[in-house]
C-alpha atoms as a PDB file:
ATOM      1  CA  MET A   1      88.407  82.030 147.607  1.00  0.00           C
ATOM      2  CA  LYS A   2      85.546  80.123 145.943  1.00  0.00           C
ATOM      3  CA  GLN A   3      83.878  83.387 144.905  1.00  0.00           C
ATOM      4  CA  ARG A   4      87.095  84.570 143.314  1.00  0.00           C
ATOM      5  CA  ARG A   5      87.436  81.291 141.427  1.00  0.00           C
ATOM      6  CA  ARG A   6      83.814  81.461 140.195  1.00  0.00           C
ATOM      7  CA  THR A   7      84.325  85.028 139.030  1.00  0.00           C
ATOM      8  CA  PHE A   8      87.477  84.041 137.173  1.00  0.00           C
ATOM      9  CA  LEU A   9      85.788  81.036 135.525  1.00  0.00           C
ATOM     10  CA  ALA A  10      82.771  83.148 134.518  1.00  0.00           C
ATOM     11  CA  PHE A  11      85.081  85.761 132.993  1.00  0.00           C
ATOM     12  CA  ALA A  12      87.118  83.091 131.175  1.00  0.00           C
ATOM     13  CA  TYR A  13      83.918  81.516 129.811  1.00  0.00           C
ATOM     14  CA  PHE A  14      82.715  84.939 128.632  1.00  0.00           C
ATOM     15  CA  CYS A  15      86.035  85.585 126.845  1.00  0.00           C
ATOM     16  CA  ILE A  16      85.906  82.199 125.116  1.00  0.00           C
ATOM     17  CA  VAL A  17      82.342  82.817 123.893  1.00  0.00           C
ATOM     18  CA  VAL A  18      83.249  86.271 122.568  1.00  0.00           C
ATOM     19  CA  LEU A  19      86.334  84.858 120.841  1.00  0.00           C
ATOM     20  CA  MET A  20      84.259  82.092 119.248  1.00  0.00           C
ATOM     21  CA  VAL A  21      81.774  84.643 117.918  1.00  0.00           C
ATOM     22  CA  PHE A  22      84.570  86.700 116.331  1.00  0.00           C
ATOM     23  CA  VAL A  23      86.171  83.608 114.776  1.00  0.00           C
ATOM     24  CA  ALA A  24      82.806  82.429 113.409  1.00  0.00           C
ATOM     25  CA  GLN A  25      82.170  85.841 111.863  1.00  0.00           C
ATOM     26  CA  ALA A  26      85.636  85.939 110.305  1.00  0.00           C
ATOM     27  CA  TRP A  27      85.158  82.477 108.768  1.00  0.00           C
ATOM     28  CA  GLY A  28      81.716  83.406 107.546  1.00  0.00           C
ATOM     29  CA  GLN A  29      82.866  86.542 105.736  1.00  0.00           C
ATOM     30  CA  THR A  30      83.044  86.149 102.000  1.00  0.00           C
ATOM     31  CA  VAL A  31      84.777  88.197  99.370  1.00  0.00           C
ATOM     32  CA  PRO A  32      82.227  90.088  97.283  1.00  0.00           C
ATOM     33  CA  PRO A  33      81.807  88.662  93.791  1.00  0.00           C
ATOM     34  CA  GLU A  34      83.939  90.145  91.058  1.00  0.00           C
ATOM     35  CA  GLN A  35      82.155  92.768  88.962  1.00  0.00           C
ATOM     36  CA  ALA A  36      82.965  92.385  85.263  1.00  0.00           C
ATOM     37  CA  VAL A  37      82.686  95.363  82.917  1.00  0.00           C
ATOM     38  CA  THR A  38      83.178  95.074  79.160  1.00  0.00           C
ATOM     39  CA  ILE A  39      84.507  98.223  77.471  1.00  0.00           C
ATOM     40  CA  THR A  40      84.983  98.871  73.763  1.00  0.00           C
ATOM     41  CA  ALA A  41      87.520 101.449  72.603  1.00  0.00           C
ATOM     42  CA  LYS A  42      87.477 103.034  69.159  1.00  0.00           C
ATOM     43  CA  LYS A  43      88.348 106.415  67.723  1.00  0.00           C
ATOM     44  CA  PHE A  44      87.484 108.538  69.748  1.00  0.00           C
ATOM     45  CA  GLN A  45      85.357 106.985  72.469  1.00  0.00           C
ATOM     46  CA  PHE A  46      85.023 104.376  75.170  1.00  0.00           C
ATOM     47  CA  THR A  47      81.711 102.502  75.367  1.00  0.00           C
ATOM     48  CA  PRO A  48      80.472 102.659  78.056  1.00  0.00           C
ATOM     49  CA  ASN A  49      82.183 105.814  79.222  1.00  0.00           C
ATOM     50  CA  GLU A  50      80.452 105.867  82.625  1.00  0.00           C
ATOM     51  CA  ILE A  51      81.078 102.931  84.959  1.00  0.00           C
ATOM     52  CA  THR A  52      79.831 102.404  88.513  1.00  0.00           C
ATOM     53  CA  VAL A  53      81.489  99.954  90.911  1.00  0.00           C
ATOM     54  CA  ARG A  54      81.465  99.344  94.676  1.00  0.00           C
ATOM     55  CA  GLN A  55      84.259 100.148  97.073  1.00  0.00           C
ATOM     56  CA  GLY A  56      86.034  97.003  98.278  1.00  0.00           C
ATOM     57  CA  ALA A  57      84.525  94.758  95.594  1.00  0.00           C
ATOM     58  CA  PRO A  58      86.930  93.273  93.027  1.00  0.00           C
ATOM     59  CA  VAL A  59      86.494  94.605  89.485  1.00  0.00           C
ATOM     60  CA  VAL A  60      87.657  93.185  86.173  1.00  0.00           C
ATOM     61  CA  LEU A  61      87.634  95.458  83.131  1.00  0.00           C
ATOM     62  CA  ARG A  62      87.647  93.615  79.803  1.00  0.00           C
ATOM     63  CA  ILE A  63      88.681  96.206  77.232  1.00  0.00           C
ATOM     64  CA  THR A  64      88.910  95.673  73.473  1.00  0.00           C
ATOM     65  CA  SER A  65      89.952  98.052  70.725  1.00  0.00           C
ATOM     66  CA  GLN A  66      88.096  97.995  67.426  1.00  0.00           C
ATOM     67  CA  ASP A  67      90.707  99.910  65.463  1.00  0.00           C
ATOM     68  CA  VAL A  68      94.118 101.083  66.739  1.00  0.00           C
ATOM     69  CA  LEU A  69      96.255 100.897  69.866  1.00  0.00           C
ATOM     70  CA  HIS A  70      94.632 102.853  72.675  1.00  0.00           C
ATOM     71  CA  GLY A  71      95.467 103.269  76.343  1.00  0.00           C
ATOM     72  CA  PHE A  72      93.214 103.114  79.384  1.00  0.00           C
ATOM     73  CA  SER A  73      94.426 105.230  82.274  1.00  0.00           C
ATOM     74  CA  CYS A  74      92.631 106.149  85.495  1.00  0.00           C
ATOM     75  CA  PRO A  75      95.252 107.916  87.645  1.00  0.00           C
ATOM     76  CA  GLY A  76      92.874 108.445  90.579  1.00  0.00           C
ATOM     77  CA  LEU A  77      92.521 104.663  90.998  1.00  0.00           C
ATOM     78  CA  LYS A  78      96.114 103.960  89.924  1.00  0.00           C
ATOM     79  CA  ILE A  79      95.152 101.654  87.062  1.00  0.00           C
ATOM     80  CA  ARG A  80      96.459 101.601  83.498  1.00  0.00           C
ATOM     81  CA  THR A  81      96.803  99.268  80.534  1.00  0.00           C
ATOM     82  CA  ASP A  82      97.486  99.331  76.816  1.00  0.00           C
ATOM     83  CA  VAL A  83      94.435  98.392  74.753  1.00  0.00           C
ATOM     84  CA  LYS A  84      95.637  96.396  71.773  1.00  0.00           C
ATOM     85  CA  PRO A  85      93.299  95.929  68.812  1.00  0.00           C
ATOM     86  CA  GLY A  86      91.646  92.538  68.459  1.00  0.00           C
ATOM     87  CA  VAL A  87      92.744  91.408  71.942  1.00  0.00           C
ATOM     88  CA  GLU A  88      90.743  91.292  75.167  1.00  0.00           C
ATOM     89  CA  ASN A  89      92.853  93.369  77.527  1.00  0.00           C
ATOM     90  CA  VAL A  90      92.050  92.480  81.152  1.00  0.00           C
ATOM     91  CA  LEU A  91      92.555  94.919  84.016  1.00  0.00           C
ATOM     92  CA  ARG A  92      91.782  93.822  87.603  1.00  0.00           C
ATOM     93  CA  PHE A  93      91.571  96.102  90.624  1.00  0.00           C
ATOM     94  CA  THR A  94      89.721  96.593  93.904  1.00  0.00           C
ATOM     95  CA  PRO A  95      88.717 100.209  94.557  1.00  0.00           C
ATOM     96  CA  ASP A  96      89.698 101.272  98.057  1.00  0.00           C
ATOM     97  CA  LYS A  97      88.090 104.727  98.076  1.00  0.00           C
ATOM     98  CA  THR A  98      84.823 106.284  96.972  1.00  0.00           C
ATOM     99  CA  GLY A  99      84.400 109.101  94.484  1.00  0.00           C
ATOM    100  CA  VAL A 100      84.249 109.880  90.789  1.00  0.00           C
ATOM    101  CA  PHE A 101      87.481 109.176  88.918  1.00  0.00           C
ATOM    102  CA  ALA A 102      88.252 110.278  85.357  1.00  0.00           C
ATOM    103  CA  PHE A 103      89.796 107.892  82.854  1.00  0.00           C
ATOM    104  CA  HIS A 104      91.206 108.626  79.402  1.00  0.00           C
ATOM    105  CA  CYS A 105      93.105 107.208  76.464  1.00  0.00           C
ATOM    106  CA  ASP A 106      96.798 107.872  76.999  1.00  0.00           C
ATOM    107  CA  ASN A 107      98.095 106.577  73.645  1.00  0.00           C
ATOM    108  CA  PHE A 108      97.698 109.204  70.938  1.00  0.00           C
ATOM    109  CA  CYS A 109      95.118 107.842  68.489  1.00  0.00           C
ATOM    110  CA  GLY A 110      94.302 110.820  66.265  1.00  0.00           C
ATOM    111  CA  THR A 111      92.795 114.288  66.227  1.00  0.00           C
ATOM    112  CA  GLY A 112      89.906 113.457  68.606  1.00  0.00           C
ATOM    113  CA  HIS A 113      92.197 111.766  71.127  1.00  0.00           C
ATOM    114  CA  GLY A 114      91.645 114.411  73.813  1.00  0.00           C
ATOM    115  CA  GLU A 115      87.914 113.679  73.894  1.00  0.00           C
ATOM    116  CA  MET A 116      88.365 109.964  74.579  1.00  0.00           C
ATOM    117  CA  THR A 117      87.426 110.078  78.255  1.00  0.00           C
ATOM    118  CA  GLY A 118      85.055 108.648  80.834  1.00  0.00           C
ATOM    119  CA  THR A 119      84.433 108.228  84.551  1.00  0.00           C
ATOM    120  CA  ILE A 120      84.447 105.465  87.113  1.00  0.00           C
ATOM    121  CA  THR A 121      82.130 106.133  90.047  1.00  0.00           C
ATOM    122  CA  VAL A 122      82.988 104.174  93.189  1.00  0.00           C
ATOM    123  CA  THR A 123      80.074 103.919  95.636  1.00  0.00           C
ATOM    124  CA  PRO A 124      80.226 102.806  99.280  1.00  0.00           C
END
């Protein structure tokens, strides 16, 4: 009977220690810092047009237009916003998958509109 009790107490102690380790790790985890990217839109380009971010890390895109109304659309990451001239247009997202995702202007802005594109690369 005493051996059974000791075994039970040892097992209970082990479980408590393991639980404490998991709780300490969970409390110690921090959210990665937000990555800010400033983008300028003008006929017929985005600058920069190649952006690299990390999977799971929050991203804020600060997009301004220097001339007319543009759009910023990245269907693969399910993000979109209008880009109004003279206004800082803020778009926040957290990429949940890796890969290279195309973005483009989706508000017609003139004859070179179709070339107003870029990519967002999400790394692990």
